[in-house]
Each structure stands twice: as structure tokens, then as C-alpha cells.
Protein backbone atom coordinates (compact mmCIF):
# COMPACT_ATOMS: atom_id res chain seq x y z
CA MET A 1 -15.58 31.81 -15.74
CA SER A 2 -13.24 29.14 -15.27
CA THR A 3 -11.21 27.73 -18.39
CA PRO A 4 -11.20 24.39 -19.71
CA GLU A 5 -7.49 24.19 -18.66
CA ASP A 6 -8.39 25.32 -15.06
CA ILE A 7 -11.08 22.76 -14.49
CA LEU A 8 -8.67 19.79 -15.87
CA ALA A 9 -5.85 21.21 -13.42
CA ARG A 10 -8.54 21.21 -10.49
CA LEU A 11 -9.71 17.58 -11.17
CA ALA A 12 -6.43 16.30 -11.45
CA MET A 13 -5.15 17.69 -8.21
CA PRO A 14 -2.73 14.71 -6.59
CA LYS A 15 -4.66 14.82 -3.22
CA ARG A 16 -7.89 14.78 -4.50
CA LEU A 17 -7.50 11.97 -6.94
CA ALA A 18 -5.73 10.21 -4.16
CA ALA A 19 -8.85 10.39 -1.85
CA LEU A 20 -10.90 9.06 -4.87
CA GLN A 21 -8.98 6.26 -5.28
CA ARG A 22 -9.22 5.63 -1.53
CA SER A 23 -12.72 5.93 -1.53
CA GLY A 24 -13.02 2.83 -3.95
CA LEU A 25 -16.10 4.48 -5.79
CA MET A 26 -14.86 4.46 -9.01
CA ASP A 27 -16.52 1.49 -11.12
CA SER A 28 -17.55 0.16 -7.85
CA GLU A 29 -21.03 -1.93 -8.10
CA GLN A 30 -24.64 -0.47 -8.12
CA ASP A 31 -25.47 -0.06 -4.42
CA GLU A 32 -28.90 0.01 -2.77
CA ASP A 33 -27.91 3.08 -0.36
CA PHE A 34 -27.25 5.31 -3.20
CA ASP A 35 -29.76 4.29 -5.36
CA ARG A 36 -32.27 5.11 -2.58
CA VAL A 37 -31.05 8.44 -2.18
CA THR A 38 -31.13 8.96 -6.11
CA ARG A 39 -34.77 7.64 -5.93
CA LEU A 40 -35.98 9.98 -3.40
CA ALA A 41 -34.05 12.89 -4.93
CA ARG A 42 -35.71 12.24 -8.04
CA ALA A 43 -39.35 12.07 -6.70
CA LEU A 44 -39.09 15.17 -4.74
CA LEU A 45 -37.71 17.33 -7.37
CA GLY A 46 -39.66 15.74 -10.12
CA SER A 47 -36.88 15.89 -12.56
CA GLU A 48 -36.47 13.32 -15.57
CA LEU A 49 -33.06 12.07 -14.74
CA CYS A 50 -30.90 11.77 -11.25
CA LEU A 51 -27.20 10.85 -10.99
CA VAL A 52 -24.84 10.15 -8.63
CA SER A 53 -21.49 10.92 -10.56
CA PHE A 54 -17.97 10.52 -9.35
CA VAL A 55 -15.04 12.49 -11.40
CA ASP A 56 -11.70 11.71 -12.11
CA GLU A 57 -9.36 13.27 -14.37
CA ARG A 58 -10.51 11.65 -17.38
CA ARG A 59 -14.13 10.66 -17.25
CA GLN A 60 -17.43 10.65 -14.80
CA PHE A 61 -18.64 7.29 -13.46
CA PHE A 62 -22.33 6.79 -12.73
CA LYS A 63 -22.54 5.15 -9.14
CA SER A 64 -26.36 5.30 -9.45
CA SER A 65 -28.39 6.50 -12.07
CA LEU A 66 -32.47 7.08 -13.00
CA GLY A 67 -33.52 7.87 -16.45
CA LEU A 68 -30.60 7.55 -18.49
CA PRO A 69 -30.97 6.27 -21.90
CA GLU A 70 -28.93 3.54 -23.33
CA PRO A 71 -25.94 3.09 -24.09
CA VAL A 72 -24.94 5.45 -21.48
CA ARG A 73 -27.05 3.72 -18.94
CA SER A 74 -25.07 0.17 -19.42
CA ALA A 75 -21.73 1.89 -19.88
CA ARG A 76 -22.20 4.00 -16.58
CA GLN A 77 -19.98 6.67 -17.60
CA THR A 78 -19.05 9.37 -20.00
CA PRO A 79 -16.06 10.87 -20.86
CA LEU A 80 -15.14 14.73 -19.56
CA SER A 81 -16.80 16.25 -22.73
CA HIS A 82 -20.15 14.95 -21.68
CA SER A 83 -19.92 15.97 -18.19
CA PHE A 84 -21.73 18.90 -16.42
CA CYS A 85 -20.73 17.43 -12.97
CA LYS A 86 -17.07 18.09 -13.61
CA HIS A 87 -18.05 21.82 -12.95
CA VAL A 88 -19.38 21.00 -9.65
CA VAL A 89 -16.55 18.94 -8.58
CA ALA A 90 -13.91 21.56 -9.93
CA SER A 91 -15.53 24.49 -8.18
CA GLU A 92 -16.62 22.54 -4.96
CA GLN A 93 -19.66 24.57 -5.45
CA ALA A 94 -23.52 23.90 -6.55
CA LEU A 95 -24.42 24.40 -10.29
CA VAL A 96 -27.45 25.76 -11.65
CA VAL A 97 -28.20 25.75 -15.49
CA GLU A 98 -31.82 26.57 -16.58
CA ASP A 99 -30.95 26.39 -20.50
CA ALA A 100 -27.61 24.97 -21.45
CA ARG A 101 -28.00 26.27 -24.52
CA LYS A 102 -27.98 29.87 -23.70
CA ASP A 103 -25.39 29.39 -20.82
CA PRO A 104 -21.61 30.10 -21.99
CA ARG A 105 -20.58 27.74 -19.00
CA VAL A 106 -21.69 24.65 -20.66
CA ALA A 107 -23.20 25.31 -24.06
CA ASP A 108 -20.43 23.74 -26.14
CA ASN A 109 -20.74 20.68 -23.88
CA LEU A 110 -21.41 17.45 -25.73
CA ALA A 111 -23.78 16.39 -23.39
CA VAL A 112 -26.41 19.33 -24.77
CA SER A 113 -26.37 17.65 -28.10
CA ASP A 114 -25.70 14.01 -27.71
CA LEU A 115 -27.62 13.48 -24.54
CA ASN A 116 -30.25 16.37 -24.56
CA VAL A 117 -29.11 17.78 -21.26
CA ILE A 118 -30.96 21.09 -20.97
CA ALA A 119 -31.65 21.78 -17.45
CA TYR A 120 -28.90 20.93 -14.75
CA LEU A 121 -28.97 21.03 -11.09
CA GLY A 122 -25.82 19.66 -8.91
CA ALA A 123 -24.46 19.67 -5.70
CA PRO A 124 -20.98 18.38 -4.93
CA ILE A 125 -20.17 15.52 -2.84
CA PHE A 126 -17.24 15.84 -0.23
CA GLY A 127 -15.38 12.88 0.87
CA PRO A 128 -13.83 12.13 4.49
CA GLU A 129 -11.00 14.50 3.96
CA GLY A 130 -12.82 17.81 2.33
CA ASP A 131 -11.94 16.74 -1.28
CA ALA A 132 -14.99 17.07 -3.90
CA LEU A 133 -15.32 13.49 -5.38
CA GLY A 134 -18.53 13.80 -7.41
CA ALA A 135 -22.02 15.12 -7.67
CA LEU A 136 -25.52 14.39 -6.83
CA CYS A 137 -27.62 16.07 -10.08
CA ALA A 138 -30.86 16.41 -11.20
CA ILE A 139 -31.27 17.01 -15.37
CA GLU A 140 -34.09 17.94 -17.62
CA SER A 141 -34.44 17.80 -21.42
CA ARG A 142 -36.30 21.53 -21.40
CA PRO A 143 -35.68 24.53 -19.62
CA ARG A 144 -36.40 24.61 -16.18
CA ALA A 145 -36.30 27.41 -13.55
CA TRP A 146 -34.90 25.55 -10.32
CA SER A 147 -36.14 26.82 -7.05
CA PRO A 148 -34.03 27.80 -3.81
CA GLY A 149 -36.07 24.90 -2.63
CA ASP A 150 -34.89 22.26 -5.28
CA MET A 151 -31.33 23.34 -4.19
CA ALA A 152 -31.55 22.86 -0.51
CA ALA A 153 -33.55 19.39 -1.25
CA LEU A 154 -30.51 18.30 -3.43
CA GLN A 155 -27.78 19.62 -0.92
CA ASP A 156 -29.64 17.72 1.78
CA PHE A 157 -29.25 14.63 -0.13
CA ALA A 158 -25.80 15.07 -1.16
CA ARG A 159 -25.18 15.44 2.72
CA LEU A 160 -26.64 11.96 3.12
CA LEU A 161 -24.66 10.39 0.63
CA GLU A 162 -21.50 11.88 2.46
CA ASN A 163 -22.48 10.18 5.72
CA VAL A 164 -22.73 6.99 3.67
CA ILE A 165 -19.13 7.44 2.29
CA ASN A 166 -17.78 8.82 5.48
CA VAL A 167 -19.09 5.88 7.86
CA ARG A 168 -18.07 3.32 4.96
CA SER A 169 -14.59 4.92 5.17
CA HIS A 170 -14.29 4.72 8.86
CA ALA A 171 -15.16 0.98 8.73
CA ARG A 172 -12.39 0.57 6.22
CA ASP A 173 -9.87 2.47 8.35
CA ALA A 174 -10.90 0.26 11.38
CA LEU A 175 -10.64 -3.01 9.59
CA ARG A 176 -7.22 -1.84 8.11
CA ALA A 177 -6.15 -0.90 11.79
CA ALA A 178 -7.45 -4.14 13.34
CA THR A 179 -5.81 -6.14 10.80
CA SER A 180 -2.46 -4.29 10.99
CA ASN A 181 -2.43 -4.11 14.93
CA ALA A 182 -2.83 -8.37 14.22
CA VAL A 183 0.09 -8.63 12.24
CA LEU A 184 2.28 -6.14 14.20
CA ALA A 185 1.26 -8.17 17.29
CA ARG A 186 2.50 -11.52 15.83
CA GLU A 187 5.71 -9.52 14.53
CA TYR A 188 6.65 -8.17 17.83
CA ASN A 189 5.95 -11.46 19.68
CA HIS A 190 8.28 -13.26 16.99
CA ARG A 191 10.93 -10.83 17.33
CA ILE A 192 10.78 -10.92 21.31
CA LYS A 193 11.04 -14.66 21.17
CA ASN A 194 14.04 -14.24 18.74
CA SER A 195 15.73 -11.91 20.87
CA PHE A 196 15.59 -14.39 23.86
CA ALA A 197 16.39 -17.31 21.95
CA VAL A 198 19.34 -15.45 19.86
CA SER A 199 20.64 -14.02 23.38
CA ALA A 200 20.59 -17.80 24.81
CA GLY A 201 22.30 -19.27 22.10
CA LEU A 202 25.04 -16.59 21.85
CA VAL A 203 25.98 -16.92 25.72
CA ARG A 204 25.92 -20.90 24.93
CA ALA A 205 28.12 -20.40 22.20
CA ALA A 206 30.58 -17.99 24.06
CA GLY A 207 30.56 -20.44 26.86
CA ARG A 208 32.24 -23.21 24.71
CA GLY A 209 35.37 -20.77 24.09
CA VAL A 210 36.22 -18.89 27.26
CA ASP A 211 38.16 -19.94 30.65
CA SER A 212 36.23 -17.57 32.86
CA VAL A 213 33.20 -15.71 34.15
CA ASP A 214 35.00 -12.15 33.28
CA GLU A 215 35.73 -13.67 29.93
CA LEU A 216 32.54 -14.81 29.29
CA VAL A 217 30.87 -11.40 30.23
CA ARG A 218 33.39 -9.47 28.10
CA ASP A 219 32.57 -11.49 25.04
CA CYS A 220 28.69 -11.56 25.51
CA SER A 221 28.62 -7.76 25.99
CA ASP A 222 30.56 -7.20 22.75
CA ARG A 223 28.40 -9.44 20.91
CA PHE A 224 25.01 -7.87 22.38
CA ALA A 225 26.61 -4.50 21.03
CA SER A 226 27.22 -6.13 17.57
CA LEU A 227 23.90 -7.51 17.79
CA GLY A 228 22.52 -3.95 18.37
CA ARG A 229 24.43 -2.59 15.23
CA ALA A 230 22.96 -5.24 13.21
CA GLN A 231 19.27 -4.29 14.69
CA ASP A 232 19.98 -0.77 13.44
CA LEU A 233 20.39 -1.82 9.89
CA VAL A 234 17.26 -4.18 10.14
CA ILE A 235 15.30 -0.95 11.33
CA GLY A 236 16.64 1.28 8.66
CA GLU A 237 19.62 3.16 10.47
CA HIS A 238 22.70 2.63 8.31
CA GLU A 239 25.54 4.07 6.63
CA SER A 240 27.23 1.64 4.61
CA THR A 241 25.83 0.80 1.36
CA GLU A 242 28.67 -1.92 0.28
CA MET A 243 27.09 -5.58 0.32
CA GLU A 244 30.06 -6.90 2.35
CA GLY A 245 29.68 -3.93 5.13
CA VAL A 246 25.90 -4.94 5.65
CA VAL A 247 26.55 -8.70 5.63
CA GLN A 248 29.50 -8.45 8.10
CA THR A 249 27.51 -6.07 10.31
CA VAL A 250 24.45 -8.18 10.39
CA LEU A 251 26.51 -11.78 11.07
CA LYS A 252 29.07 -10.33 13.21
CA PRO A 253 27.24 -11.24 16.37
CA PHE A 254 26.80 -15.11 15.37
CA ALA A 255 30.43 -15.30 14.52
CA TYR A 256 32.75 -17.67 16.37
CA GLY A 257 35.88 -19.18 15.32
CA GLY A 258 35.35 -18.81 11.60
CA ASN A 259 31.72 -20.43 11.64
CA CYS A 260 30.30 -17.45 9.41
CA GLU A 261 32.31 -17.54 6.14
CA VAL A 262 31.12 -14.29 4.02
CA ALA A 263 32.57 -14.03 0.38
CA GLY A 264 31.58 -12.18 -2.64
CA PRO A 265 32.46 -9.54 -5.06
CA PRO A 266 32.05 -5.84 -4.65
CA VAL A 267 28.59 -4.87 -4.93
CA THR A 268 27.14 -1.37 -4.17
CA LEU A 269 23.41 -1.34 -2.71
CA ASN A 270 20.97 1.23 -3.42
CA PRO A 271 20.22 2.86 0.06
CA ILE A 272 16.55 1.48 -0.06
CA GLN A 273 17.84 -2.37 -0.60
CA ILE A 274 19.93 -1.99 2.83
CA MET A 275 16.98 -2.33 5.22
CA PRO A 276 15.25 -5.49 3.64
CA LEU A 277 18.58 -7.38 2.96
CA ALA A 278 19.43 -6.73 6.68
CA LEU A 279 16.04 -8.06 7.72
CA LEU A 280 16.55 -11.08 5.72
CA LEU A 281 19.97 -11.81 6.68
CA HIS A 282 19.12 -11.20 10.63
CA GLU A 283 16.04 -13.64 10.23
CA LEU A 284 18.55 -16.26 8.56
CA ALA A 285 21.12 -16.11 11.21
CA THR A 286 18.30 -15.98 14.22
CA ASN A 287 16.55 -18.94 12.82
CA SER A 288 20.12 -20.56 12.44
CA VAL A 289 20.52 -19.90 16.00
CA LYS A 290 17.38 -21.53 17.03
CA TYR A 291 16.97 -24.37 14.83
CA GLY A 292 20.08 -24.79 12.58
CA ALA A 293 23.86 -24.93 12.26
CA LEU A 294 24.52 -22.12 14.43
CA LYS A 295 22.49 -23.72 17.65
CA ASP A 296 25.15 -26.33 17.66
CA GLY A 297 28.40 -24.94 16.76
CA GLY A 298 28.23 -25.39 13.05
CA ARG A 299 29.02 -23.32 9.94
CA VAL A 300 27.23 -21.20 7.81
CA GLU A 301 28.28 -19.74 4.39
CA THR A 302 27.00 -16.66 3.07
CA THR A 303 28.32 -15.65 -0.50
CA TRP A 304 26.83 -13.69 -3.35
CA ARG A 305 27.46 -13.17 -6.95
CA GLY A 306 26.35 -10.45 -9.42
CA ASP A 307 26.36 -8.28 -12.51
CA SER A 308 24.72 -4.99 -13.71
CA GLN A 309 21.31 -6.56 -13.78
CA ALA A 310 20.86 -8.76 -10.68
CA VAL A 311 22.22 -9.84 -7.34
CA THR A 312 21.97 -13.22 -5.99
CA LEU A 313 22.93 -13.86 -2.33
CA THR A 314 23.40 -17.68 -1.36
CA TRP A 315 22.61 -18.85 2.41
CA ARG A 316 24.14 -22.53 2.88
CA GLU A 317 24.12 -24.43 6.20
CA GLU A 318 24.49 -27.99 7.29
CA THR A 319 21.43 -28.54 9.60
CA ARG A 320 18.96 -31.07 10.58
CA LEU A 321 16.49 -28.69 11.55
CA ALA A 322 15.47 -26.62 8.83
CA ASN A 323 11.82 -26.54 9.67
CA GLY A 324 11.74 -23.19 11.42
CA LEU A 325 12.41 -21.69 7.60
CA ARG A 326 10.58 -24.27 5.80
CA ARG A 327 7.34 -24.56 7.68
CA GLU A 328 4.51 -23.00 5.63
CA GLY A 329 2.97 -19.86 6.94
CA GLY A 330 5.41 -19.77 9.68
CA VAL A 331 6.22 -16.08 10.84
CA GLY A 332 9.97 -16.73 9.80
CA ALA A 333 9.26 -18.18 6.70
CA LYS A 334 6.76 -14.90 6.10
CA VAL A 335 9.67 -12.50 7.12
CA LEU A 336 11.83 -13.73 4.56
CA GLU A 337 9.13 -13.36 2.01
CA VAL A 338 8.58 -10.07 2.75
CA ALA A 339 12.26 -9.15 2.53
CA ALA A 340 12.46 -10.97 -0.61
CA ARG A 341 9.33 -8.88 -2.17
CA GLN A 342 10.70 -5.52 -0.61
CA LEU A 343 14.00 -6.09 -2.73
CA GLU A 344 11.98 -6.77 -5.49
CA GLY A 345 13.17 -10.32 -5.71
CA ARG A 346 12.53 -13.83 -5.55
CA ILE A 347 13.65 -16.56 -2.76
CA GLU A 348 14.28 -20.10 -3.19
CA ARG A 349 14.76 -22.93 -0.68
CA ASP A 350 16.26 -26.34 -1.10
CA TYR A 351 16.88 -28.80 1.63
CA ALA A 352 18.35 -32.05 0.76
CA GLU A 353 20.66 -34.52 2.67
CA GLY A 354 21.13 -32.22 5.80
CA MET A 355 21.98 -28.97 3.57
CA LEU A 356 19.62 -26.04 3.76
CA THR A 357 20.33 -23.46 0.89
CA ILE A 358 18.39 -20.57 0.48
CA GLU A 359 18.89 -18.26 -2.70
CA THR A 360 17.60 -14.72 -2.99
CA THR A 361 17.70 -12.80 -6.35
CA PHE A 362 17.13 -9.50 -6.61
CA PRO A 363 17.62 -6.54 -8.90
CA ALA A 364 21.02 -4.80 -9.04
CA LYS A 365 18.99 -1.38 -9.42
CA PRO A 366 15.46 -1.56 -8.01
CA THR A 367 12.46 0.49 -9.69
CA SER A 368 10.80 1.48 -6.59
CA ALA A 369 11.19 1.83 -2.78
CA PRO A 370 10.01 -0.94 -0.42
CA ASP A 371 6.38 -0.73 0.82
CA GLY A 372 7.51 -0.48 4.60
CA ALA A 373 5.77 -3.67 5.38
CA THR A 374 7.43 -6.00 8.07
CA ALA A 375 5.32 -9.25 7.74
């Protein structure tokens, strides 16, 4: 017989709890698909109570119930001290109790004294990944000898509930995949257009300062190679953790004759900050090539300040075409917002008298890794 510690340890297994959370069943609204099965099971077994219970590491939640007394019926939950279903979930097996007062597995369970649970028949309900999430059970307030037919019927009804859960899980996965694909499609389209615009901008800029085709080819080749190294930072392939190294690497392809000023004190980044910071800088630079100062041979200033608590990165450029960063809902603006969020920071924009200023402030020591979203 399992000890209470064994049962709690099984209920608290991270994989199972994660599957239960993904299911969205705990604390969810009443649902006719579940209530219909509860009604049919109760009618077929002729039991006083019938419950669909989902169990986490602290409590059992009643997704559906028939015959529960108040105030438990309205509360729709009990602590594990009042749960027989926890045994079903922990063991991943059916539980048959004819008289709880004489059964050492549940005799000391408070559901016996407080809720008059005497006879119990429970079948596990498994999630899409094979984890026991809850139980379908029938309950009597007097002793009852459950038949093999009772158990077979209850298990069949539990399989029906699993079908409902699985279908809904697949539907959620499909919706998430469709949404993710749409976001990725917009982001890839944005990146492809950016690549063409940036490449054209770099060629135009290089052409202003060279005297021959060969020189132009060499210059552009060097800058495209630098652009590739900057892209490595954006997708997470990096070595340096120094703020200056990251800024210089990302902005090097765009720098012509001192048009990109970089200045700031020594700041060591946490490795998880490098990719979102590079993404933010890369987006600022590519938008400047398309819309702003770097489009027309102007200058940009990238400076930063920081202490042990926070770092503030400031981007300033003189431009008449700030719409590429200011347009609400634009992909470029969204990328900046996502990068700032991954840095656990905030971004502020100011556009006045032809000067665009963007400040991004983020903690010097982040509390968590970025979520990996790109748009």
C-alpha cells in the first residue's frame, strides 16, 4: 500500500502537472460534454453521486458533479485530505472501495467523516501524453459491492472523456500552429524585405566613397560579411558578452566614415541578453537604412549608460522619415517591442524637430531567460 508521501510525490511529478496545466481543465467552467457523461454514468450505475475530478498537488477540482451536497457543490473543489480520486491518479489504476470505514487505504480520509463517502468506484482519466490527470468516480453513502460490469461501464465512460480532452487538445495545438505560422510568415517576409533594402542601401552608401568598380565590389563584400556576423548575433550565435562588442558587431556593416557613433562605459551582458539586444540594434539599423539617417548618408548615435541595477541604450538619428519605427502595429515596431520585452525592459520613442530618439532600459541582471518569440 502506498504511503501518503508516495502519493503526494506522484501527484507532484513535474511532467504530470505540466500536462494538467496545458489541458486547461483545472478551474475551468462547467461543460455540457462532461456533464452529459456524468449523467449517463450515474444513471447506468444507479449511484448517489458521480464526479469528474482533476487533481493537482494540492486539491481536487470537480469539472462535473451530480449529487454533491453544499457547500462542496458550489466550491467545486476539496483539499486532498478529502480526496479518494488522488489514489486513482497517483496509481494510474482503478480504485474499488466497498466500505471505506473498513478499507485501510482510505479509512482515515476526511471525506469519510465529513462527506459520508462510504463506497467508491473510480477510473483514471488520461491526457493526450499518457499522464493521469483525474478520475471519473461513482460514490455511495452506504456500503456497496461494485460488480465487474460497473467497473467496465465506468472505464468506458472515462475513455469517452479522454476522447473529448484529446480532441480539444489537438484543436488547441492546430490553432497555435496556425497562429504561429502566420506570425512566422509575416516575420520572414519582413526579414526578406529588410535584407533587400539593407543590401541596396549598403551598395548605395559604398558607391558614394569609392573610385572604381573593383573597390566597390571589395567594399560591399566586406560589409556583407560583416552583416552575416551581425546576423549570427541576432539568431543567437555569439561569443562576446561585452556591450561595446555587441554594438560594434551589429553596426559595423552600416558604418561609413564615422556615420555610426558608439560610446558608453564598460558593461558586461548576461548571455541571455545578447540575442534580444542584437535583434533590437539590427532592427534600428535596418530601419534607418530604409527610412532614416543611414538612407541619406546621415549620422546615428548609439550610446549607453548603466549601473548595477539597469542599463539604458539610446539611439538617436536626425531624420524626416521615422514612420518605419513609429507606425502602430508595424512589423518593425513589433520587433522592437518583442526585443525589449525579452530584455525584461521597456522602450520609449520620441520624435521631435526631425530628431528620432529611442531609449531602451533593461535590468543589468535579468531574472529569467527570454521566451524565444520573434514577433
